[in-house]
Each structure stands twice: as structure tokens, then as C-alpha cells.
Amino acid sequence: MKQTVEIKEYSFLAQAAYAVLVGVAPLDRLRETKAALLSSPNSPFAEGQADTFLSRYELVSQYRDFPPDRVSNGFSATLFRDLANPNRVVLSFAGTEAENDVIRDLIITDSGIGLVG
């Protein structure tokens, strides 16, 4: 059963990495992080999911290789701290997104993964 719980936990962390969290103000981090999770352009959380996630994790930092004010494709890495164990941090990655670059993402990258690993 622990493995199922861990898979769910890691899926939430991966889903959260798709939200645009760059620029979330430190003084209002909880409210702004929740709003970003709910309005994620690619994989938004439901309100209950966001509440559950934020009761367990806090945003430490996020890096995105594109400006946070537009939806684009690209690499994103987000660092979360486990509130139950503050010494545990989790680095979560979001992959590229095919929405704006079908040739690069679906044809070149995905084909390369499928063909050569």
C-alpha cells in the first residue's frame, strides 16, 4: 500500500511542476501558490487537490526556461519542501509541452525517446 501512496504523492508533485510558480511572492506564498495550481495552463488542480497538496508541501523555488507571463513549451524544475519533514525536499520536473511546438516535442523528442531511449 505504501507504494500506491508514494505514486500518488509523486504524481501530485509532477503535476504541480507544470504550474507557473515563478514570481510567487514570499509573503503571500500559500495563497498565490494555490491560485497558480488552480490555474495551471496544462494540468490544473481541483480545489481539494490543491488544499491537500499545500497541506503537505510548500514551494521553495521554481526555474522555468521561458518567461512566466506566457504559456510556452520548455523545461521546468520546481523544488518543494515536505512540511511533515522539513529536512526533506523534492525536486520535481515538468517536461516540454507539445502545445506550441509539435515538431520538436512530438516528432523529434518523443521519437528519439521511443527509438533510442
PDB file of N, CA and C in Angstrom:
ATOM      1  N   MET A   1       0.814  -1.195   0.000  1.00  0.00           N
ATOM      2  CA  MET A   1       0.000   0.000   0.000  1.00  0.00           C
ATOM      3  C   MET A   1       0.856   1.258   0.000  1.00  0.00           C
ATOM      4  N   LYS A   2       2.002   1.198   0.674  1.00  0.00           N
ATOM      5  CA  LYS A   2       2.870   2.373   0.729  1.00  0.00           C
ATOM      6  C   LYS A   2       3.282   2.801  -0.677  1.00  0.00           C
ATOM      7  N   GLN A   3       3.526   1.849  -1.546  1.00  0.00           N
ATOM      8  CA  GLN A   3       3.943   2.177  -2.900  1.00  0.00           C
ATOM      9  C   GLN A   3       2.851   2.956  -3.636  1.00  0.00           C
ATOM     10  N   THR A   4       1.587   2.592  -3.463  1.00  0.00           N
ATOM     11  CA  THR A   4       0.478   3.294  -4.092  1.00  0.00           C
ATOM     12  C   THR A   4       0.403   4.733  -3.587  1.00  0.00           C
ATOM     13  N   VAL A   5       0.578   4.923  -2.284  1.00  0.00           N
ATOM     14  CA  VAL A   5       0.561   6.263  -1.699  1.00  0.00           C
ATOM     15  C   VAL A   5       1.715   7.093  -2.251  1.00  0.00           C
ATOM     16  N   GLU A   6       2.896   6.493  -2.376  1.00  0.00           N
ATOM     17  CA  GLU A   6       4.047   7.210  -2.926  1.00  0.00           C
ATOM     18  C   GLU A   6       3.816   7.609  -4.379  1.00  0.00           C
ATOM     19  N   ILE A   7       3.220   6.735  -5.167  1.00  0.00           N
ATOM     20  CA  ILE A   7       2.942   7.057  -6.567  1.00  0.00           C
ATOM     21  C   ILE A   7       1.983   8.241  -6.650  1.00  0.00           C
ATOM     22  N   LYS A   8       0.962   8.249  -5.818  1.00  0.00           N
ATOM     23  CA  LYS A   8       0.025   9.369  -5.791  1.00  0.00           C
ATOM     24  C   LYS A   8       0.749  10.657  -5.394  1.00  0.00           C
ATOM     25  N   GLU A   9       1.586  10.576  -4.380  1.00  0.00           N
ATOM     26  CA  GLU A   9       2.347  11.732  -3.913  1.00  0.00           C
ATOM     27  C   GLU A   9       3.234  12.294  -5.030  1.00  0.00           C
ATOM     28  N   TYR A  10       3.956  11.421  -5.692  1.00  0.00           N
ATOM     29  CA  TYR A  10       4.850  11.876  -6.755  1.00  0.00           C
ATOM     30  C   TYR A  10       4.084  12.390  -7.972  1.00  0.00           C
ATOM     31  N   SER A  11       2.908  11.853  -8.222  1.00  0.00           N
ATOM     32  CA  SER A  11       2.121  12.375  -9.343  1.00  0.00           C
ATOM     33  C   SER A  11       1.642  13.792  -9.043  1.00  0.00           C
ATOM     34  N   PHE A  12       1.264  14.064  -7.801  1.00  0.00           N
ATOM     35  CA  PHE A  12       0.897  15.434  -7.418  1.00  0.00           C
ATOM     36  C   PHE A  12       2.083  16.376  -7.561  1.00  0.00           C
ATOM     37  N   LEU A  13       3.263  15.929  -7.149  1.00  0.00           N
ATOM     38  CA  LEU A  13       4.459  16.765  -7.262  1.00  0.00           C
ATOM     39  C   LEU A  13       4.787  17.054  -8.721  1.00  0.00           C
ATOM     40  N   ALA A  14       4.660  16.052  -9.575  1.00  0.00           N
ATOM     41  CA  ALA A  14       4.909  16.269 -11.005  1.00  0.00           C
ATOM     42  C   ALA A  14       3.864  17.214 -11.589  1.00  0.00           C
ATOM     43  N   GLN A  15       2.620  17.020 -11.216  1.00  0.00           N
ATOM     44  CA  GLN A  15       1.548  17.889 -11.714  1.00  0.00           C
ATOM     45  C   GLN A  15       1.791  19.337 -11.269  1.00  0.00           C
ATOM     46  N   ALA A  16       2.225  19.534 -10.040  1.00  0.00           N
ATOM     47  CA  ALA A  16       2.485  20.880  -9.522  1.00  0.00           C
ATOM     48  C   ALA A  16       3.621  21.566 -10.273  1.00  0.00           C
ATOM     49  N   ALA A  17       4.562  20.792 -10.795  1.00  0.00           N
ATOM     50  CA  ALA A  17       5.693  21.381 -11.520  1.00  0.00           C
ATOM     51  C   ALA A  17       5.253  22.052 -12.816  1.00  0.00           C
ATOM     52  N   TYR A  18       4.073  21.719 -13.328  1.00  0.00           N
ATOM     53  CA  TYR A  18       3.574  22.351 -14.545  1.00  0.00           C
ATOM     54  C   TYR A  18       2.942  23.719 -14.284  1.00  0.00           C
ATOM     55  N   ALA A  19       2.625  24.021 -13.038  1.00  0.00           N
ATOM     56  CA  ALA A  19       2.050  25.322 -12.706  1.00  0.00           C
ATOM     57  C   ALA A  19       3.133  26.393 -12.800  1.00  0.00           C
ATOM     58  N   VAL A  20       2.749  27.596 -13.165  1.00  0.00           N
ATOM     59  CA  VAL A  20       3.690  28.717 -13.238  1.00  0.00           C
ATOM     60  C   VAL A  20       3.799  29.302 -11.841  1.00  0.00           C
ATOM     61  N   LEU A  21       4.875  28.935 -11.146  1.00  0.00           N
ATOM     62  CA  LEU A  21       5.081  29.347  -9.768  1.00  0.00           C
ATOM     63  C   LEU A  21       6.208  30.358  -9.623  1.00  0.00           C
ATOM     64  N   VAL A  22       6.875  30.691 -10.702  1.00  0.00           N
ATOM     65  CA  VAL A  22       7.925  31.706 -10.676  1.00  0.00           C
ATOM     66  C   VAL A  22       7.273  33.034 -10.330  1.00  0.00           C
ATOM     67  N   GLY A  23       7.873  33.768  -9.421  1.00  0.00           N
ATOM     68  CA  GLY A  23       7.348  35.076  -9.076  1.00  0.00           C
ATOM     69  C   GLY A  23       6.304  35.060  -7.987  1.00  0.00           C
ATOM     70  N   VAL A  24       6.042  33.894  -7.398  1.00  0.00           N
ATOM     71  CA  VAL A  24       5.099  33.838  -6.281  1.00  0.00           C
ATOM     72  C   VAL A  24       5.735  34.589  -5.114  1.00  0.00           C
ATOM     73  N   ALA A  25       5.002  35.554  -4.566  1.00  0.00           N
ATOM     74  CA  ALA A  25       5.528  36.418  -3.510  1.00  0.00           C
ATOM     75  C   ALA A  25       5.720  35.651  -2.204  1.00  0.00           C
ATOM     76  N   PRO A  26       6.894  35.798  -1.574  1.00  0.00           N
ATOM     77  CA  PRO A  26       7.152  35.069  -0.326  1.00  0.00           C
ATOM     78  C   PRO A  26       6.153  35.390   0.791  1.00  0.00           C
ATOM     79  N   LEU A  27       5.670  36.608   0.870  1.00  0.00           N
ATOM     80  CA  LEU A  27       4.774  36.986   1.959  1.00  0.00           C
ATOM     81  C   LEU A  27       3.370  36.419   1.793  1.00  0.00           C
ATOM     82  N   ASP A  28       3.000  36.103   0.577  1.00  0.00           N
ATOM     83  CA  ASP A  28       1.667  35.562   0.330  1.00  0.00           C
ATOM     84  C   ASP A  28       1.779  34.260  -0.456  1.00  0.00           C
ATOM     85  N   ARG A  29       2.781  33.502  -0.128  1.00  0.00           N
ATOM     86  CA  ARG A  29       3.134  32.317  -0.905  1.00  0.00           C
ATOM     87  C   ARG A  29       2.024  31.270  -0.948  1.00  0.00           C
ATOM     88  N   LEU A  30       1.367  31.000   0.163  1.00  0.00           N
ATOM     89  CA  LEU A  30       0.347  29.961   0.188  1.00  0.00           C
ATOM     90  C   LEU A  30      -0.817  30.306  -0.737  1.00  0.00           C
ATOM     91  N   ARG A  31      -1.351  31.513  -0.622  1.00  0.00           N
ATOM     92  CA  ARG A  31      -2.492  31.911  -1.451  1.00  0.00           C
ATOM     93  C   ARG A  31      -2.105  31.954  -2.928  1.00  0.00           C
ATOM     94  N   GLU A  32      -0.953  32.525  -3.234  1.00  0.00           N
ATOM     95  CA  GLU A  32      -0.526  32.633  -4.628  1.00  0.00           C
ATOM     96  C   GLU A  32      -0.172  31.276  -5.229  1.00  0.00           C
ATOM     97  N   THR A  33       0.424  30.401  -4.443  1.00  0.00           N
ATOM     98  CA  THR A  33       0.734  29.056  -4.934  1.00  0.00           C
ATOM     99  C   THR A  33      -0.553  28.307  -5.238  1.00  0.00           C
ATOM    100  N   LYS A  34      -1.540  28.416  -4.356  1.00  0.00           N
ATOM    101  CA  LYS A  34      -2.822  27.752  -4.599  1.00  0.00           C
ATOM    102  C   LYS A  34      -3.465  28.290  -5.874  1.00  0.00           C
ATOM    103  N   ALA A  35      -3.467  29.600  -6.056  1.00  0.00           N
ATOM    104  CA  ALA A  35      -4.053  30.190  -7.269  1.00  0.00           C
ATOM    105  C   ALA A  35      -3.330  29.683  -8.513  1.00  0.00           C
ATOM    106  N   ALA A  36      -2.005  29.562  -8.442  1.00  0.00           N
ATOM    107  CA  ALA A  36      -1.239  29.065  -9.590  1.00  0.00           C
ATOM    108  C   ALA A  36      -1.556  27.603  -9.879  1.00  0.00           C
ATOM    109  N   LEU A  37      -1.712  26.798  -8.845  1.00  0.00           N
ATOM    110  CA  LEU A  37      -2.049  25.387  -9.046  1.00  0.00           C
ATOM    111  C   LEU A  37      -3.433  25.238  -9.680  1.00  0.00           C
ATOM    112  N   LEU A  38      -4.376  26.067  -9.252  1.00  0.00           N
ATOM    113  CA  LEU A  38      -5.741  26.005  -9.779  1.00  0.00           C
ATOM    114  C   LEU A  38      -5.830  26.493 -11.214  1.00  0.00           C
ATOM    115  N   SER A  39      -4.911  27.380 -11.613  1.00  0.00           N
ATOM    116  CA  SER A  39      -4.989  27.966 -12.953  1.00  0.00           C
ATOM    117  C   SER A  39      -3.881  27.485 -13.882  1.00  0.00           C
ATOM    118  N   SER A  40      -3.204  26.411 -13.516  1.00  0.00           N
ATOM    119  CA  SER A  40      -2.135  25.879 -14.355  1.00  0.00           C
ATOM    120  C   SER A  40      -2.656  25.633 -15.771  1.00  0.00           C
ATOM    121  N   PRO A  41      -1.957  26.133 -16.786  1.00  0.00           N
ATOM    122  CA  PRO A  41      -2.460  26.014 -18.157  1.00  0.00           C
ATOM    123  C   PRO A  41      -2.489  24.591 -18.695  1.00  0.00           C
ATOM    124  N   ASN A  42      -1.719  23.696 -18.109  1.00  0.00           N
ATOM    125  CA  ASN A  42      -1.604  22.354 -18.673  1.00  0.00           C
ATOM    126  C   ASN A  42      -2.193  21.254 -17.814  1.00  0.00           C
ATOM    127  N   SER A  43      -2.218  21.451 -16.534  1.00  0.00           N
ATOM    128  CA  SER A  43      -2.683  20.394 -15.637  1.00  0.00           C
ATOM    129  C   SER A  43      -3.177  21.003 -14.335  1.00  0.00           C
ATOM    130  N   PRO A  44      -4.299  21.731 -14.386  1.00  0.00           N
ATOM    131  CA  PRO A  44      -4.753  22.409 -13.170  1.00  0.00           C
ATOM    132  C   PRO A  44      -5.229  21.432 -12.105  1.00  0.00           C
ATOM    133  N   PHE A  45      -5.012  21.817 -10.859  1.00  0.00           N
ATOM    134  CA  PHE A  45      -5.501  21.066  -9.718  1.00  0.00           C
ATOM    135  C   PHE A  45      -6.966  21.430  -9.492  1.00  0.00           C
ATOM    136  N   ALA A  46      -7.730  20.496  -8.941  1.00  0.00           N
ATOM    137  CA  ALA A  46      -9.039  20.818  -8.389  1.00  0.00           C
ATOM    138  C   ALA A  46      -8.783  21.480  -7.031  1.00  0.00           C
ATOM    139  N   GLU A  47      -9.753  22.231  -6.541  1.00  0.00           N
ATOM    140  CA  GLU A  47      -9.529  22.960  -5.286  1.00  0.00           C
ATOM    141  C   GLU A  47      -9.145  22.040  -4.136  1.00  0.00           C
ATOM    142  N   GLY A  48      -9.830  20.911  -3.991  1.00  0.00           N
ATOM    143  CA  GLY A  48      -9.496  19.968  -2.928  1.00  0.00           C
ATOM    144  C   GLY A  48      -8.097  19.390  -3.080  1.00  0.00           C
ATOM    145  N   GLN A  49      -7.701  19.122  -4.313  1.00  0.00           N
ATOM    146  CA  GLN A  49      -6.342  18.620  -4.561  1.00  0.00           C
ATOM    147  C   GLN A  49      -5.307  19.659  -4.147  1.00  0.00           C
ATOM    148  N   ALA A  50      -5.547  20.912  -4.503  1.00  0.00           N
ATOM    149  CA  ALA A  50      -4.605  21.976  -4.152  1.00  0.00           C
ATOM    150  C   ALA A  50      -4.493  22.114  -2.639  1.00  0.00           C
ATOM    151  N   ASP A  51      -5.623  22.062  -1.939  1.00  0.00           N
ATOM    152  CA  ASP A  51      -5.601  22.163  -0.474  1.00  0.00           C
ATOM    153  C   ASP A  51      -4.822  21.004   0.135  1.00  0.00           C
ATOM    154  N   THR A  52      -5.085  19.793  -0.348  1.00  0.00           N
ATOM    155  CA  THR A  52      -4.369  18.618   0.152  1.00  0.00           C
ATOM    156  C   THR A  52      -2.877  18.738  -0.114  1.00  0.00           C
ATOM    157  N   PHE A  53      -2.529  19.132  -1.326  1.00  0.00           N
ATOM    158  CA  PHE A  53      -1.115  19.264  -1.694  1.00  0.00           C
ATOM    159  C   PHE A  53      -0.421  20.292  -0.804  1.00  0.00           C
ATOM    160  N   LEU A  54      -1.059  21.460  -0.626  1.00  0.00           N
ATOM    161  CA  LEU A  54      -0.431  22.537   0.134  1.00  0.00           C
ATOM    162  C   LEU A  54      -0.434  22.293   1.637  1.00  0.00           C
ATOM    163  N   SER A  55      -1.218  21.327   2.089  1.00  0.00           N
ATOM    164  CA  SER A  55      -1.137  20.960   3.499  1.00  0.00           C
ATOM    165  C   SER A  55       0.078  20.062   3.749  1.00  0.00           C
ATOM    166  N   ARG A  56       0.665  19.566   2.674  1.00  0.00           N
ATOM    167  CA  ARG A  56       1.822  18.666   2.784  1.00  0.00           C
ATOM    168  C   ARG A  56       3.122  19.289   2.282  1.00  0.00           C
ATOM    169  N   TYR A  57       3.032  20.168   1.272  1.00  0.00           N
ATOM    170  CA  TYR A  57       4.236  20.727   0.647  1.00  0.00           C
ATOM    171  C   TYR A  57       4.177  22.230   0.559  1.00  0.00           C
ATOM    172  N   GLU A  58       5.360  22.841   0.593  1.00  0.00           N
ATOM    173  CA  GLU A  58       5.452  24.270   0.334  1.00  0.00           C
ATOM    174  C   GLU A  58       6.442  24.497  -0.806  1.00  0.00           C
ATOM    175  N   LEU A  59       6.199  25.520  -1.570  1.00  0.00           N
ATOM    176  CA  LEU A  59       7.082  25.889  -2.667  1.00  0.00           C
ATOM    177  C   LEU A  59       8.358  26.499  -2.113  1.00  0.00           C
ATOM    178  N   VAL A  60       9.489  26.016  -2.583  1.00  0.00           N
ATOM    179  CA  VAL A  60      10.777  26.608  -2.225  1.00  0.00           C
ATOM    180  C   VAL A  60      11.236  27.490  -3.378  1.00  0.00           C
ATOM    181  N   SER A  61      11.248  26.921  -4.593  1.00  0.00           N
ATOM    182  CA  SER A  61      11.727  27.675  -5.753  1.00  0.00           C
ATOM    183  C   SER A  61      11.310  26.962  -7.037  1.00  0.00           C
ATOM    184  N   GLN A  62      11.263  27.731  -8.109  1.00  0.00           N
ATOM    185  CA  GLN A  62      10.985  27.140  -9.415  1.00  0.00           C
ATOM    186  C   GLN A  62      11.869  27.811 -10.463  1.00  0.00           C
ATOM    187  N   TYR A  63      12.378  26.995 -11.384  1.00  0.00           N
ATOM    188  CA  TYR A  63      13.109  27.503 -12.545  1.00  0.00           C
ATOM    189  C   TYR A  63      12.331  27.098 -13.787  1.00  0.00           C
ATOM    190  N   ARG A  64      12.109  28.071 -14.668  1.00  0.00           N
ATOM    191  CA  ARG A  64      11.483  27.792 -15.967  1.00  0.00           C
ATOM    192  C   ARG A  64      12.363  28.451 -17.016  1.00  0.00           C
ATOM    193  N   ASP A  65      12.552  27.794 -18.142  1.00  0.00           N
ATOM    194  CA  ASP A  65      13.415  28.370 -19.166  1.00  0.00           C
ATOM    195  C   ASP A  65      12.664  29.270 -20.137  1.00  0.00           C
ATOM    196  N   PHE A  66      11.537  29.785 -19.711  1.00  0.00           N
ATOM    197  CA  PHE A  66      10.791  30.760 -20.506  1.00  0.00           C
ATOM    198  C   PHE A  66      10.098  31.718 -19.554  1.00  0.00           C
ATOM    199  N   PRO A  67       9.726  32.900 -20.035  1.00  0.00           N
ATOM    200  CA  PRO A  67       9.110  33.892 -19.156  1.00  0.00           C
ATOM    201  C   PRO A  67       7.833  33.359 -18.520  1.00  0.00           C
ATOM    202  N   PRO A  68       7.603  33.695 -17.233  1.00  0.00           N
ATOM    203  CA  PRO A  68       6.439  33.180 -16.530  1.00  0.00           C
ATOM    204  C   PRO A  68       5.116  33.811 -16.963  1.00  0.00           C
ATOM    205  N   ASP A  69       5.163  34.843 -17.780  1.00  0.00           N
ATOM    206  CA  ASP A  69       3.929  35.534 -18.145  1.00  0.00           C
ATOM    207  C   ASP A  69       3.327  35.030 -19.451  1.00  0.00           C
ATOM    208  N   ARG A  70       3.843  33.936 -19.995  1.00  0.00           N
ATOM    209  CA  ARG A  70       3.248  33.377 -21.205  1.00  0.00           C
ATOM    210  C   ARG A  70       3.337  31.863 -21.168  1.00  0.00           C
ATOM    211  N   VAL A  71       2.396  31.220 -21.820  1.00  0.00           N
ATOM    212  CA  VAL A  71       2.409  29.763 -21.900  1.00  0.00           C
ATOM    213  C   VAL A  71       3.293  29.381 -23.075  1.00  0.00           C
ATOM    214  N   SER A  72       4.213  28.514 -22.837  1.00  0.00           N
ATOM    215  CA  SER A  72       5.119  28.085 -23.887  1.00  0.00           C
ATOM    216  C   SER A  72       5.545  26.664 -23.563  1.00  0.00           C
ATOM    217  N   ASN A  73       6.438  26.125 -24.373  1.00  0.00           N
ATOM    218  CA  ASN A  73       6.975  24.820 -24.039  1.00  0.00           C
ATOM    219  C   ASN A  73       8.333  25.034 -23.415  1.00  0.00           C
ATOM    220  N   GLY A  74       8.843  24.040 -22.755  1.00  0.00           N
ATOM    221  CA  GLY A  74      10.167  24.177 -22.180  1.00  0.00           C
ATOM    222  C   GLY A  74      10.319  23.462 -20.862  1.00  0.00           C
ATOM    223  N   PHE A  75      11.521  23.493 -20.378  1.00  0.00           N
ATOM    224  CA  PHE A  75      11.919  22.810 -19.157  1.00  0.00           C
ATOM    225  C   PHE A  75      11.457  23.591 -17.931  1.00  0.00           C
ATOM    226  N   SER A  76      11.060  22.867 -16.907  1.00  0.00           N
ATOM    227  CA  SER A  76      10.700  23.474 -15.637  1.00  0.00           C
ATOM    228  C   SER A  76      11.110  22.526 -14.514  1.00  0.00           C
ATOM    229  N   ALA A  77      11.741  23.086 -13.498  1.00  0.00           N
ATOM    230  CA  ALA A  77      12.098  22.320 -12.304  1.00  0.00           C
ATOM    231  C   ALA A  77      11.605  23.091 -11.089  1.00  0.00           C
ATOM    232  N   THR A  78      10.960  22.382 -10.185  1.00  0.00           N
ATOM    233  CA  THR A  78      10.384  23.023  -9.013  1.00  0.00           C
ATOM    234  C   THR A  78      10.834  22.271  -7.766  1.00  0.00           C
ATOM    235  N   LEU A  79      11.237  23.034  -6.766  1.00  0.00           N
ATOM    236  CA  LEU A  79      11.689  22.451  -5.512  1.00  0.00           C
ATOM    237  C   LEU A  79      10.613  22.679  -4.448  1.00  0.00           C
ATOM    238  N   PHE A  80      10.164  21.584  -3.833  1.00  0.00           N
ATOM    239  CA  PHE A  80       9.155  21.631  -2.783  1.00  0.00           C
ATOM    240  C   PHE A  80       9.751  21.107  -1.481  1.00  0.00           C
ATOM    241  N   ARG A  81       9.295  21.661  -0.353  1.00  0.00           N
ATOM    242  CA  ARG A  81       9.692  21.176   0.969  1.00  0.00           C
ATOM    243  C   ARG A  81       8.517  20.426   1.574  1.00  0.00           C
ATOM    244  N   ASP A  82       8.806  19.274   2.158  1.00  0.00           N
ATOM    245  CA  ASP A  82       7.809  18.453   2.839  1.00  0.00           C
ATOM    246  C   ASP A  82       7.562  19.074   4.216  1.00  0.00           C
ATOM    247  N   LEU A  83       6.345  19.521   4.476  1.00  0.00           N
ATOM    248  CA  LEU A  83       6.032  20.171   5.746  1.00  0.00           C
ATOM    249  C   LEU A  83       6.088  19.204   6.920  1.00  0.00           C
ATOM    250  N   ALA A  84       5.855  17.920   6.664  1.00  0.00           N
ATOM    251  CA  ALA A  84       5.924  16.916   7.729  1.00  0.00           C
ATOM    252  C   ALA A  84       7.366  16.599   8.109  1.00  0.00           C
ATOM    253  N   ASN A  85       8.289  16.814   7.192  1.00  0.00           N
ATOM    254  CA  ASN A  85       9.708  16.560   7.422  1.00  0.00           C
ATOM    255  C   ASN A  85      10.493  17.671   6.728  1.00  0.00           C
ATOM    256  N   PRO A  86      10.723  18.808   7.391  1.00  0.00           N
ATOM    257  CA  PRO A  86      11.350  19.971   6.755  1.00  0.00           C
ATOM    258  C   PRO A  86      12.745  19.712   6.178  1.00  0.00           C
ATOM    259  N   ASN A  87      13.388  18.617   6.584  1.00  0.00           N
ATOM    260  CA  ASN A  87      14.694  18.279   6.010  1.00  0.00           C
ATOM    261  C   ASN A  87      14.563  17.583   4.664  1.00  0.00           C
ATOM    262  N   ARG A  88      13.339  17.216   4.289  1.00  0.00           N
ATOM    263  CA  ARG A  88      13.103  16.525   3.009  1.00  0.00           C
ATOM    264  C   ARG A  88      12.613  17.524   1.972  1.00  0.00           C
ATOM    265  N   VAL A  89      13.366  17.624   0.900  1.00  0.00           N
ATOM    266  CA  VAL A  89      12.931  18.440  -0.228  1.00  0.00           C
ATOM    267  C   VAL A  89      12.804  17.533  -1.447  1.00  0.00           C
ATOM    268  N   VAL A  90      11.896  17.910  -2.341  1.00  0.00           N
ATOM    269  CA  VAL A  90      11.658  17.101  -3.535  1.00  0.00           C
ATOM    270  C   VAL A  90      11.802  18.003  -4.744  1.00  0.00           C
ATOM    271  N   LEU A  91      12.634  17.584  -5.678  1.00  0.00           N
ATOM    272  CA  LEU A  91      12.819  18.299  -6.931  1.00  0.00           C
ATOM    273  C   LEU A  91      11.928  17.644  -7.972  1.00  0.00           C
ATOM    274  N   SER A  92      11.023  18.418  -8.545  1.00  0.00           N
ATOM    275  CA  SER A  92      10.044  17.886  -9.493  1.00  0.00           C
ATOM    276  C   SER A  92      10.242  18.544 -10.848  1.00  0.00           C
ATOM    277  N   PHE A  93      10.238  17.742 -11.892  1.00  0.00           N
ATOM    278  CA  PHE A  93      10.459  18.246 -13.243  1.00  0.00           C
ATOM    279  C   PHE A  93       9.192  18.176 -14.077  1.00  0.00           C
ATOM    280  N   ALA A  94       9.008  19.171 -14.897  1.00  0.00           N
ATOM    281  CA  ALA A  94       7.951  19.138 -15.913  1.00  0.00           C
ATOM    282  C   ALA A  94       8.662  19.047 -17.255  1.00  0.00           C
ATOM    283  N   GLY A  95       8.163  18.224 -18.123  1.00  0.00           N
ATOM    284  CA  GLY A  95       8.781  18.073 -19.430  1.00  0.00           C
ATOM    285  C   GLY A  95       8.338  19.162 -20.387  1.00  0.00           C
ATOM    286  N   THR A  96       8.800  19.067 -21.594  1.00  0.00           N
ATOM    287  CA  THR A  96       8.344  20.011 -22.606  1.00  0.00           C
ATOM    288  C   THR A  96       6.907  19.686 -22.964  1.00  0.00           C
ATOM    289  N   GLU A  97       6.233  20.652 -23.518  1.00  0.00           N
ATOM    290  CA  GLU A  97       4.817  20.506 -23.835  1.00  0.00           C
ATOM    291  C   GLU A  97       4.592  20.712 -25.317  1.00  0.00           C
ATOM    292  N   ALA A  98       3.871  19.822 -25.919  1.00  0.00           N
ATOM    293  CA  ALA A  98       3.711  19.811 -27.371  1.00  0.00           C
ATOM    294  C   ALA A  98       2.784  20.887 -27.903  1.00  0.00           C
ATOM    295  N   GLU A  99       2.068  21.575 -27.044  1.00  0.00           N
ATOM    296  CA  GLU A  99       1.051  22.527 -27.480  1.00  0.00           C
ATOM    297  C   GLU A  99       1.562  23.545 -28.506  1.00  0.00           C
ATOM    298  N   ASN A 100       2.764  24.062 -28.316  1.00  0.00           N
ATOM    299  CA  ASN A 100       3.266  25.112 -29.199  1.00  0.00           C
ATOM    300  C   ASN A 100       4.419  24.672 -30.096  1.00  0.00           C
ATOM    301  N   ASP A 101       4.831  23.451 -30.001  1.00  0.00           N
ATOM    302  CA  ASP A 101       5.972  23.020 -30.802  1.00  0.00           C
ATOM    303  C   ASP A 101       5.871  21.534 -31.119  1.00  0.00           C
ATOM    304  N   VAL A 102       4.926  21.194 -31.966  1.00  0.00           N
ATOM    305  CA  VAL A 102       4.646  19.788 -32.279  1.00  0.00           C
ATOM    306  C   VAL A 102       5.849  19.098 -32.912  1.00  0.00           C
ATOM    307  N   ILE A 103       6.537  19.768 -33.809  1.00  0.00           N
ATOM    308  CA  ILE A 103       7.665  19.126 -34.499  1.00  0.00           C
ATOM    309  C   ILE A 103       8.753  18.743 -33.513  1.00  0.00           C
ATOM    310  N   ARG A 104       9.176  19.694 -32.686  1.00  0.00           N
ATOM    311  CA  ARG A 104      10.266  19.397 -31.757  1.00  0.00           C
ATOM    312  C   ARG A 104       9.831  18.399 -30.690  1.00  0.00           C
ATOM    313  N   ASP A 105       8.654  18.619 -30.102  1.00  0.00           N
ATOM    314  CA  ASP A 105       8.260  17.788 -28.970  1.00  0.00           C
ATOM    315  C   ASP A 105       7.759  16.409 -29.370  1.00  0.00           C
ATOM    316  N   LEU A 106       6.824  16.345 -30.295  1.00  0.00           N
ATOM    317  CA  LEU A 106       6.236  15.051 -30.633  1.00  0.00           C
ATOM    318  C   LEU A 106       7.076  14.248 -31.602  1.00  0.00           C
ATOM    319  N   ILE A 107       7.622  14.894 -32.584  1.00  0.00           N
ATOM    320  CA  ILE A 107       8.333  14.146 -33.615  1.00  0.00           C
ATOM    321  C   ILE A 107       9.791  13.885 -33.218  1.00  0.00           C
ATOM    322  N   ILE A 108      10.533  14.937 -32.932  1.00  0.00           N
ATOM    323  CA  ILE A 108      11.958  14.757 -32.658  1.00  0.00           C
ATOM    324  C   ILE A 108      12.212  14.146 -31.269  1.00  0.00           C
ATOM    325  N   THR A 109      11.703  14.805 -30.227  1.00  0.00           N
ATOM    326  CA  THR A 109      11.994  14.341 -28.870  1.00  0.00           C
ATOM    327  C   THR A 109      11.339  13.007 -28.556  1.00  0.00           C
ATOM    328  N   ASP A 110      10.018  12.910 -28.739  1.00  0.00           N
ATOM    329  CA  ASP A 110       9.324  11.671 -28.391  1.00  0.00           C
ATOM    330  C   ASP A 110       9.784  10.503 -29.269  1.00  0.00           C
ATOM    331  N   SER A 111      10.039  10.758 -30.526  1.00  0.00           N
ATOM    332  CA  SER A 111      10.544   9.677 -31.392  1.00  0.00           C
ATOM    333  C   SER A 111      11.920   9.228 -30.929  1.00  0.00           C
ATOM    334  N   GLY A 112      12.746  10.182 -30.542  1.00  0.00           N
ATOM    335  CA  GLY A 112      14.078   9.830 -30.046  1.00  0.00           C
ATOM    336  C   GLY A 112      14.021   8.987 -28.788  1.00  0.00           C
ATOM    337  N   ILE A 113      13.122   9.338 -27.885  1.00  0.00           N
ATOM    338  CA  ILE A 113      12.950   8.553 -26.658  1.00  0.00           C
ATOM    339  C   ILE A 113      12.481   7.149 -27.005  1.00  0.00           C
ATOM    340  N   GLY A 114      11.496   7.068 -27.905  1.00  0.00           N
ATOM    341  CA  GLY A 114      10.960   5.770 -28.275  1.00  0.00           C
ATOM    342  C   GLY A 114      11.938   4.885 -29.021  1.00  0.00           C
ATOM    343  N   LEU A 115      12.770   5.509 -29.847  1.00  0.00           N
ATOM    344  CA  LEU A 115      13.682   4.729 -30.686  1.00  0.00           C
ATOM    345  C   LEU A 115      15.013   4.398 -30.004  1.00  0.00           C
ATOM    346  N   VAL A 116      15.550   5.351 -29.265  1.00  0.00           N
ATOM    347  CA  VAL A 116      16.878   5.128 -28.696  1.00  0.00           C
ATOM    348  C   VAL A 116      16.919   5.198 -27.168  1.00  0.00           C
ATOM    349  N   GLY A 117      15.796   5.480 -26.551  1.00  0.00           N
ATOM    350  CA  GLY A 117      15.749   5.506 -25.083  1.00  0.00           C
ATOM    351  C   GLY A 117      16.160   6.813 -24.491  1.00  0.00           C
TER     352      GLY A 117
END
